[in-house]
Protein backbone atom coordinates (compact mmCIF):
# COMPACT_ATOMS: atom_id res chain seq x y z
CA MET A 1 0.00 0.00 0.00
CA VAL A 2 1.22 3.53 -0.77
CA THR A 3 0.18 6.66 1.13
CA CYS A 4 0.95 10.35 0.76
CA GLY A 5 -0.41 13.71 1.86
CA ASP A 6 0.26 17.04 3.53
CA ASP A 7 3.48 15.78 5.15
CA LYS A 8 5.13 15.66 1.66
CA LEU A 9 6.19 12.04 2.25
CA ILE A 10 5.61 8.90 0.24
CA LYS A 11 5.15 5.89 2.49
CA VAL A 12 5.05 2.29 1.30
CA TRP A 13 3.51 -0.26 3.70
CA ASP A 14 3.07 -4.00 3.66
CA MET A 15 -0.41 -5.35 4.29
CA THR A 16 0.31 -5.95 7.99
CA GLY A 17 0.80 -2.19 8.53
CA ARG A 18 4.61 -2.30 8.70
CA LYS A 19 6.24 0.64 6.91
CA LEU A 20 8.70 -0.51 4.25
CA TYR A 21 9.85 2.79 2.73
CA ASN A 22 9.61 6.46 3.60
CA SER A 23 10.68 8.68 0.70
CA GLU A 24 11.04 12.44 0.49
CA GLY A 25 11.39 14.68 -2.52
CA HIS A 26 8.30 16.78 -3.07
CA GLU A 27 8.36 20.34 -1.75
CA THR A 28 4.56 20.67 -1.44
CA PRO A 29 1.76 18.31 -0.33
CA ILE A 30 1.24 15.19 -2.44
CA TYR A 31 -2.35 14.45 -3.40
CA SER A 32 -2.30 11.67 -5.96
CA VAL A 33 -0.67 8.25 -5.97
CA CYS A 34 -0.82 6.08 -9.06
CA PRO A 35 0.94 2.69 -8.79
CA HIS A 36 1.91 1.39 -12.22
CA HIS A 37 4.09 -1.21 -13.90
CA LYS A 38 5.71 -1.57 -17.27
CA GLU A 39 7.20 -4.90 -18.21
CA ASN A 40 8.97 -6.09 -15.02
CA THR A 41 9.39 -2.66 -13.41
CA GLN A 42 6.91 -1.48 -10.77
CA PHE A 43 6.81 2.20 -9.95
CA ILE A 44 4.63 4.93 -8.47
CA PHE A 45 3.60 8.21 -10.07
CA LEU A 46 2.93 11.00 -7.58
CA THR A 47 1.50 14.45 -8.15
CA ALA A 48 1.83 17.47 -5.89
CA THR A 49 0.08 20.81 -5.60
CA ASP A 50 3.06 22.65 -7.13
CA GLY A 51 2.51 20.83 -10.42
CA GLU A 52 5.36 18.35 -10.07
CA ILE A 53 4.87 14.78 -11.18
CA LYS A 54 7.50 12.30 -10.04
CA ALA A 55 8.04 8.62 -10.80
CA TRP A 56 9.44 6.48 -7.97
CA LEU A 57 10.54 2.88 -7.76
CA TYR A 58 9.64 0.92 -4.63
CA ASP A 59 12.83 1.82 -2.75
CA ASN A 60 14.40 4.68 -0.81
CA MET A 61 16.52 5.99 -3.68
CA GLY A 62 14.43 9.05 -4.66
CA SER A 63 12.47 9.89 -7.77
CA ARG A 64 13.72 8.63 -11.10
CA VAL A 65 11.76 10.98 -13.35
CA ASP A 66 10.44 14.51 -12.74
CA TYR A 67 7.79 16.24 -14.88
CA GLU A 68 5.78 19.42 -14.60
CA ALA A 69 2.01 19.15 -14.94
CA PRO A 70 0.35 21.29 -17.60
CA GLY A 71 -1.01 24.39 -15.87
CA ARG A 72 1.28 23.74 -12.87
CA TRP A 73 -1.51 22.20 -10.76
CA CYS A 74 -2.30 18.52 -10.55
CA THR A 75 -4.04 16.61 -7.78
CA THR A 76 -5.22 13.49 -9.63
CA MET A 77 -3.62 11.07 -12.06
CA LEU A 78 -4.60 7.86 -13.81
CA CYS A 79 -2.61 5.31 -15.80
CA SER A 80 -4.15 3.21 -18.52
CA ALA A 81 -4.44 -0.53 -17.91
CA ASP A 82 -2.37 -1.35 -20.99
CA GLY A 83 0.49 0.90 -19.81
CA SER A 84 0.45 3.15 -22.85
CA ARG A 85 -0.65 6.36 -21.01
């Protein structure tokens, strides 16, 4: 399970409630979490109120990709089931 929010942290938990990862990197609150996978790589897209979109792997190594949302404001995100968008 992945959680985020006003604390600007991304937290990954196992299903027993034990925290596995605690990642930092956004400078404003995070309001959207979108787990996704492509081929054998699982990652998480996160969006923040400053318009940043970051892609994270399930580890403590920081974001791998940074984007800016059109209009500089993004609080929701969806990924297509086939992985194309």
